[in-house]
Protein backbone atom coordinates (compact mmCIF):
# COMPACT_ATOMS: atom_id res chain seq x y z
CA MET A 1 0.00 0.00 0.00
CA LYS A 2 1.36 3.42 -0.94
CA ALA A 3 1.97 5.92 1.85
CA SER A 4 -0.62 8.30 0.38
CA ALA A 5 -3.24 5.54 0.37
CA LEU A 6 -2.39 4.67 3.96
CA MET A 7 -2.68 8.32 5.01
CA ALA A 8 -6.04 8.57 3.21
CA HIS A 9 -7.22 5.44 5.02
CA TRP A 10 -6.15 6.83 8.40
CA GLN A 11 -7.83 10.15 7.62
CA GLN A 12 -11.09 8.41 6.74
CA GLU A 13 -10.92 5.98 9.66
CA TYR A 14 -9.70 8.26 12.43
CA GLY A 15 -10.34 11.80 11.17
CA ASP A 16 -8.25 14.84 11.90
CA PRO A 17 -6.15 14.88 15.06
CA VAL A 18 -7.72 16.84 17.90
CA ALA A 19 -6.00 19.98 19.18
CA GLU A 20 -4.84 19.91 22.78
CA HIS A 21 -6.26 23.40 23.40
CA HIS A 22 -9.99 23.73 24.00
CA TYR A 23 -11.99 26.78 22.90
CA PRO A 24 -14.92 27.46 25.19
CA VAL A 25 -17.52 29.71 23.59
CA SER A 26 -20.76 31.33 24.69
CA LEU A 27 -23.60 31.39 22.19
CA ASN A 28 -26.49 33.80 22.09
CA ILE A 29 -29.88 32.26 22.79
CA LYS A 30 -30.89 31.97 19.12
CA ASP A 31 -27.68 30.22 18.08
CA ALA A 32 -27.90 27.90 21.09
CA ALA A 33 -31.47 27.00 20.04
CA ARG A 34 -30.24 26.28 16.51
CA VAL A 35 -27.56 23.97 17.89
CA GLU A 36 -30.14 22.13 19.99
CA ALA A 37 -32.47 21.84 16.99
CA LEU A 38 -29.66 20.29 14.91
CA LEU A 39 -28.91 17.86 17.73
CA ASP A 40 -32.58 16.87 17.78
CA MET A 41 -32.49 16.31 14.02
CA PHE A 42 -29.30 14.19 14.25
CA PRO A 43 -29.51 12.30 17.56
CA GLY A 44 -26.31 10.32 16.95
CA LEU A 45 -24.26 13.50 16.63
CA SER A 46 -22.50 14.79 19.75
CA ARG A 47 -22.66 18.46 20.68
CA GLU A 48 -18.86 18.64 20.58
CA ARG A 49 -18.70 17.15 17.07
CA LEU A 50 -21.49 19.41 15.78
CA LEU A 51 -19.80 22.56 17.08
CA ALA A 52 -16.39 21.42 15.83
CA ASP A 53 -17.77 20.75 12.34
CA LEU A 54 -19.61 24.09 12.25
CA GLY A 55 -16.48 25.88 13.43
CA THR A 56 -14.29 24.15 10.87
CA GLY A 57 -16.75 25.03 8.09
CA GLY A 58 -16.79 28.67 9.16
CA ILE A 59 -13.00 28.81 9.34
CA LYS A 60 -12.67 27.31 5.85
CA ARG A 61 -15.18 29.81 4.42
CA SER A 62 -13.42 32.76 6.04
CA ASP A 63 -10.09 31.45 4.74
CA GLN A 64 -11.51 31.47 1.21
CA ARG A 65 -12.83 35.01 1.64
CA PHE A 66 -9.46 36.31 2.75
CA SER A 67 -7.67 34.97 -0.30
CA LEU A 68 -5.59 38.14 -0.81
CA CYS A 69 -3.73 37.69 2.44
CA ARG A 70 -3.49 34.95 5.01
CA TRP A 71 -2.77 35.06 8.73
CA GLN A 72 0.16 32.87 9.64
CA HIS A 73 1.02 31.97 13.19
CA ASP A 74 4.67 31.60 14.09
CA CYS A 75 4.60 28.79 16.67
CA CYS A 76 8.09 29.57 17.93
CA THR A 77 7.51 33.22 18.83
CA GLY A 78 3.72 33.40 19.07
CA ARG A 79 3.76 36.43 16.76
CA ARG A 80 1.30 36.81 13.94
CA ARG A 81 2.21 38.12 10.53
CA ILE A 82 0.41 38.63 7.24
CA SER A 83 1.87 37.42 4.00
CA ALA A 84 0.53 38.00 0.51
CA LEU A 85 -0.39 34.93 -1.50
């Protein structure tokens, strides 16, 4: 099996690795109700997974909208910088 096929299998089987840092958020009452409605519609879906998927989708859309420049995080210094694409 090629390495790329193995990586694809792992991605499908185990998904993306989970970050060690947690991001607690407070939702307004309408958004909280929407989350609860989605959980009622998909009873097998956990609240954590639903919010993670919604957050990932929002991040990907915002990344596409900011196609002229992209935030990059320098893990060594913790500084943020903008670089043109």
